[in-house]
Amino acid sequence: MAKAIGPRSISRLLHGSPGLEALRHRAAEYRAPAPVSCHSLPPALAQRVHILQEDGRLLLMADNNAVAQLLRFHAPRIARELQASDWHIRVTRATTPRPPVAAAPVRTGAAPTLPASAAACLRDAAAGIEDEGLRESLLRLANLAN
């Protein structure tokens, strides 16, 4: 009898074994439960929690450990509201995309300018300041005006 050398492919494993074949059919027919919403959850917490309900059981998925800790406090009330007999909390990675961080504006090389009214305010402020360095800085800034 020849000995098989090397790993067997996944498809050969799934199609070759009757137990795994039944499992493959069950997995193909499985439909994940749709997320549900809970009205008693505070809005700030609701944005960071995803709730799935299946067969009277709740799966409460929190974005991080801090949210999971708060969710442990609210879970019994959520289970009563959704009429679930059992609940579990899992910390998962955020499933909703975060808004992108805005890039810093690109400078075109032109010097910044101030409106004439702002320059007048700076000159008035500089006139009342005794510190020579601060007064000169305010006057240089006022000179950037149109």
C-alpha atoms as a PDB file:
ATOM      1  CA  MET A   1       0.000   0.000   0.000  1.00  0.00           C
ATOM      2  CA  ALA A   2       1.411   3.372  -1.028  1.00  0.00           C
ATOM      3  CA  LYS A   3       1.669   6.077   1.574  1.00  0.00           C
ATOM      4  CA  ALA A   4       0.312   9.502   0.633  1.00  0.00           C
ATOM      5  CA  ILE A   5       2.971  12.167   0.736  1.00  0.00           C
ATOM      6  CA  GLY A   6       2.183  15.825   1.276  1.00  0.00           C
ATOM      7  CA  PRO A   7      -0.940  17.636   2.415  1.00  0.00           C
ATOM      8  CA  ARG A   8      -4.329  16.852   0.951  1.00  0.00           C
ATOM      9  CA  SER A   9      -6.278  19.661  -0.643  1.00  0.00           C
ATOM     10  CA  ILE A  10      -9.258  21.176   1.167  1.00  0.00           C
ATOM     11  CA  SER A  11     -11.637  20.218  -1.630  1.00  0.00           C
ATOM     12  CA  ARG A  12     -10.507  16.571  -1.436  1.00  0.00           C
ATOM     13  CA  LEU A  13     -11.050  16.628   2.319  1.00  0.00           C
ATOM     14  CA  LEU A  14     -14.545  18.122   2.019  1.00  0.00           C
ATOM     15  CA  HIS A  15     -15.723  15.877  -0.796  1.00  0.00           C
ATOM     16  CA  GLY A  16     -14.059  12.698   0.424  1.00  0.00           C
ATOM     17  CA  SER A  17     -15.585  12.420   3.884  1.00  0.00           C
ATOM     18  CA  PRO A  18     -19.344  11.941   4.421  1.00  0.00           C
ATOM     19  CA  GLY A  19     -19.300  13.822   7.756  1.00  0.00           C
ATOM     20  CA  LEU A  20     -17.515  16.795   6.258  1.00  0.00           C
ATOM     21  CA  GLU A  21     -19.786  16.724   3.222  1.00  0.00           C
ATOM     22  CA  ALA A  22     -22.834  17.163   5.490  1.00  0.00           C
ATOM     23  CA  LEU A  23     -21.058  19.976   7.313  1.00  0.00           C
ATOM     24  CA  ARG A  24     -20.260  21.680   4.009  1.00  0.00           C
ATOM     25  CA  HIS A  25     -23.954  21.540   2.997  1.00  0.00           C
ATOM     26  CA  ARG A  26     -25.045  22.982   6.367  1.00  0.00           C
ATOM     27  CA  ALA A  27     -22.532  25.807   6.020  1.00  0.00           C
ATOM     28  CA  ALA A  28     -23.725  26.575   2.488  1.00  0.00           C
ATOM     29  CA  GLU A  29     -27.340  26.794   3.656  1.00  0.00           C
ATOM     30  CA  TYR A  30     -26.598  28.902   6.746  1.00  0.00           C
ATOM     31  CA  ARG A  31     -27.881  32.463   6.724  1.00  0.00           C
ATOM     32  CA  ALA A  32     -26.392  34.804   9.292  1.00  0.00           C
ATOM     33  CA  PRO A  33     -28.933  36.600  11.470  1.00  0.00           C
ATOM     34  CA  ALA A  34     -29.622  40.219  10.624  1.00  0.00           C
ATOM     35  CA  PRO A  35     -28.493  42.852  13.137  1.00  0.00           C
ATOM     36  CA  VAL A  36     -31.208  44.141  15.452  1.00  0.00           C
ATOM     37  CA  SER A  37     -31.497  47.480  17.201  1.00  0.00           C
ATOM     38  CA  CYS A  38     -32.289  48.168  20.814  1.00  0.00           C
ATOM     39  CA  HIS A  39     -34.086  51.361  21.804  1.00  0.00           C
ATOM     40  CA  SER A  40     -33.045  51.266  25.458  1.00  0.00           C
ATOM     41  CA  LEU A  41     -29.337  51.444  24.642  1.00  0.00           C
ATOM     42  CA  PRO A  42     -27.801  54.927  25.092  1.00  0.00           C
ATOM     43  CA  PRO A  43     -27.017  56.531  21.689  1.00  0.00           C
ATOM     44  CA  ALA A  44     -23.270  56.839  22.364  1.00  0.00           C
ATOM     45  CA  LEU A  45     -23.106  53.143  23.203  1.00  0.00           C
ATOM     46  CA  ALA A  46     -25.412  52.078  20.369  1.00  0.00           C
ATOM     47  CA  GLN A  47     -22.909  53.374  17.800  1.00  0.00           C
ATOM     48  CA  ARG A  48     -20.253  51.008  19.155  1.00  0.00           C
ATOM     49  CA  VAL A  49     -22.382  47.877  19.643  1.00  0.00           C
ATOM     50  CA  HIS A  50     -23.735  45.382  17.115  1.00  0.00           C
ATOM     51  CA  ILE A  51     -26.503  43.026  18.214  1.00  0.00           C
ATOM     52  CA  LEU A  52     -27.385  39.720  16.569  1.00  0.00           C
ATOM     53  CA  GLN A  53     -30.326  37.587  17.698  1.00  0.00           C
ATOM     54  CA  GLU A  54     -30.891  33.961  16.830  1.00  0.00           C
ATOM     55  CA  ASP A  55     -33.059  31.332  18.522  1.00  0.00           C
ATOM     56  CA  GLY A  56     -33.705  33.441  21.618  1.00  0.00           C
ATOM     57  CA  ARG A  57     -30.001  34.164  22.154  1.00  0.00           C
ATOM     58  CA  LEU A  58     -28.238  37.494  21.783  1.00  0.00           C
ATOM     59  CA  LEU A  59     -24.707  38.104  20.639  1.00  0.00           C
ATOM     60  CA  LEU A  60     -23.618  41.581  21.716  1.00  0.00           C
ATOM     61  CA  MET A  61     -20.474  42.645  19.863  1.00  0.00           C
ATOM     62  CA  ALA A  62     -18.535  45.573  21.341  1.00  0.00           C
ATOM     63  CA  ASP A  63     -15.874  47.603  19.542  1.00  0.00           C
ATOM     64  CA  ASN A  64     -13.440  47.518  22.492  1.00  0.00           C
ATOM     65  CA  ASN A  65     -13.067  46.424  26.113  1.00  0.00           C
ATOM     66  CA  ALA A  66     -14.411  49.668  27.577  1.00  0.00           C
ATOM     67  CA  VAL A  67     -17.613  49.353  25.551  1.00  0.00           C
ATOM     68  CA  ALA A  68     -17.897  45.678  26.543  1.00  0.00           C
ATOM     69  CA  GLN A  69     -17.681  46.630  30.214  1.00  0.00           C
ATOM     70  CA  LEU A  70     -20.515  49.151  29.824  1.00  0.00           C
ATOM     71  CA  LEU A  71     -22.472  46.599  27.823  1.00  0.00           C
ATOM     72  CA  ARG A  72     -22.300  44.123  30.713  1.00  0.00           C
ATOM     73  CA  PHE A  73     -24.292  46.632  32.739  1.00  0.00           C
ATOM     74  CA  HIS A  74     -26.937  47.127  30.001  1.00  0.00           C
ATOM     75  CA  ALA A  75     -27.135  43.513  28.748  1.00  0.00           C
ATOM     76  CA  PRO A  76     -29.897  42.233  31.084  1.00  0.00           C
ATOM     77  CA  ARG A  77     -32.170  45.137  30.101  1.00  0.00           C
ATOM     78  CA  ILE A  78     -31.414  44.578  26.394  1.00  0.00           C
ATOM     79  CA  ALA A  79     -32.205  40.862  26.762  1.00  0.00           C
ATOM     80  CA  ARG A  80     -35.558  41.678  28.409  1.00  0.00           C
ATOM     81  CA  GLU A  81     -36.439  44.213  25.707  1.00  0.00           C
ATOM     82  CA  LEU A  82     -35.587  41.803  22.866  1.00  0.00           C
ATOM     83  CA  GLN A  83     -37.148  38.847  24.741  1.00  0.00           C
ATOM     84  CA  ALA A  84     -33.969  36.781  24.693  1.00  0.00           C
ATOM     85  CA  SER A  85     -33.267  34.040  27.183  1.00  0.00           C
ATOM     86  CA  ASP A  86     -29.469  34.151  26.930  1.00  0.00           C
ATOM     87  CA  TRP A  87     -26.816  36.664  25.906  1.00  0.00           C
ATOM     88  CA  HIS A  88     -23.076  36.742  25.249  1.00  0.00           C
ATOM     89  CA  ILE A  89     -20.697  39.682  24.858  1.00  0.00           C
ATOM     90  CA  ARG A  90     -17.760  39.573  22.464  1.00  0.00           C
ATOM     91  CA  VAL A  91     -15.150  42.221  21.758  1.00  0.00           C
ATOM     92  CA  THR A  92     -14.730  42.497  18.020  1.00  0.00           C
ATOM     93  CA  ARG A  93     -13.010  44.823  15.707  1.00  0.00           C
ATOM     94  CA  ALA A  94     -15.105  47.724  14.448  1.00  0.00           C
ATOM     95  CA  THR A  95     -17.258  46.583  11.538  1.00  0.00           C
ATOM     96  CA  THR A  96     -18.335  50.032  10.431  1.00  0.00           C
ATOM     97  CA  PRO A  97     -15.828  52.051   8.450  1.00  0.00           C
ATOM     98  CA  ARG A  98     -14.401  55.049  10.210  1.00  0.00           C
ATOM     99  CA  PRO A  99     -14.517  58.403   8.413  1.00  0.00           C
ATOM    100  CA  PRO A 100     -11.195  59.247   6.776  1.00  0.00           C
ATOM    101  CA  VAL A 101      -8.970  61.795   8.425  1.00  0.00           C
ATOM    102  CA  ALA A 102      -8.934  65.045   6.472  1.00  0.00           C
ATOM    103  CA  ALA A 103      -5.571  65.855   4.939  1.00  0.00           C
ATOM    104  CA  ALA A 104      -3.861  69.100   5.837  1.00  0.00           C
ATOM    105  CA  PRO A 105      -4.422  71.812   3.236  1.00  0.00           C
ATOM    106  CA  VAL A 106      -1.612  72.150   0.739  1.00  0.00           C
ATOM    107  CA  ARG A 107       0.140  75.506   0.855  1.00  0.00           C
ATOM    108  CA  THR A 108       0.614  77.110  -2.526  1.00  0.00           C
ATOM    109  CA  GLY A 109       3.644  79.147  -1.526  1.00  0.00           C
ATOM    110  CA  ALA A 110       1.792  82.455  -1.274  1.00  0.00           C
ATOM    111  CA  ALA A 111       2.239  84.294   2.008  1.00  0.00           C
ATOM    112  CA  PRO A 112      -0.869  84.410   4.219  1.00  0.00           C
ATOM    113  CA  THR A 113      -2.697  87.722   4.286  1.00  0.00           C
ATOM    114  CA  LEU A 114      -4.874  89.447   6.847  1.00  0.00           C
ATOM    115  CA  PRO A 115      -7.888  91.683   6.298  1.00  0.00           C
ATOM    116  CA  ALA A 116      -7.249  95.382   6.900  1.00  0.00           C
ATOM    117  CA  SER A 117      -9.555  95.379   9.940  1.00  0.00           C
ATOM    118  CA  ALA A 118      -7.517  92.621  11.617  1.00  0.00           C
ATOM    119  CA  ALA A 119      -4.291  94.525  10.912  1.00  0.00           C
ATOM    120  CA  ALA A 120      -5.755  97.669  12.521  1.00  0.00           C
ATOM    121  CA  CYS A 121      -6.683  95.648  15.636  1.00  0.00           C
ATOM    122  CA  LEU A 122      -3.145  94.256  15.840  1.00  0.00           C
ATOM    123  CA  ARG A 123      -1.603  97.719  15.514  1.00  0.00           C
ATOM    124  CA  ASP A 124      -3.898  99.060  18.265  1.00  0.00           C
ATOM    125  CA  ALA A 125      -2.951  96.155  20.510  1.00  0.00           C
ATOM    126  CA  ALA A 126       0.775  96.658  19.785  1.00  0.00           C
ATOM    127  CA  ALA A 127       0.532 100.327  20.762  1.00  0.00           C
ATOM    128  CA  GLY A 128      -0.579  99.391  24.280  1.00  0.00           C
ATOM    129  CA  ILE A 129       2.040  96.677  24.933  1.00  0.00           C
ATOM    130  CA  GLU A 130       5.219  97.490  26.872  1.00  0.00           C
ATOM    131  CA  ASP A 131       7.177  94.348  25.925  1.00  0.00           C
ATOM    132  CA  GLU A 132       9.346  95.304  22.928  1.00  0.00           C
ATOM    133  CA  GLY A 133       9.539  91.762  21.436  1.00  0.00           C
ATOM    134  CA  LEU A 134       5.810  91.169  21.593  1.00  0.00           C
ATOM    135  CA  ARG A 135       5.061  94.630  20.173  1.00  0.00           C
ATOM    136  CA  GLU A 136       7.397  94.008  17.182  1.00  0.00           C
ATOM    137  CA  SER A 137       5.844  90.578  16.574  1.00  0.00           C
ATOM    138  CA  LEU A 138       2.353  92.034  16.474  1.00  0.00           C
ATOM    139  CA  LEU A 139       3.467  94.770  14.095  1.00  0.00           C
ATOM    140  CA  ARG A 140       5.124  92.213  11.771  1.00  0.00           C
ATOM    141  CA  LEU A 141       1.918  90.231  11.786  1.00  0.00           C
ATOM    142  CA  ALA A 142      -0.109  93.383  11.039  1.00  0.00           C
ATOM    143  CA  ASN A 143       2.118  94.076   8.009  1.00  0.00           C
ATOM    144  CA  LEU A 144       0.815  90.885   6.355  1.00  0.00           C
ATOM    145  CA  ALA A 145      -2.497  92.654   5.684  1.00  0.00           C
ATOM    146  CA  ASN A 146      -3.590  93.605   2.193  1.00  0.00           C
END
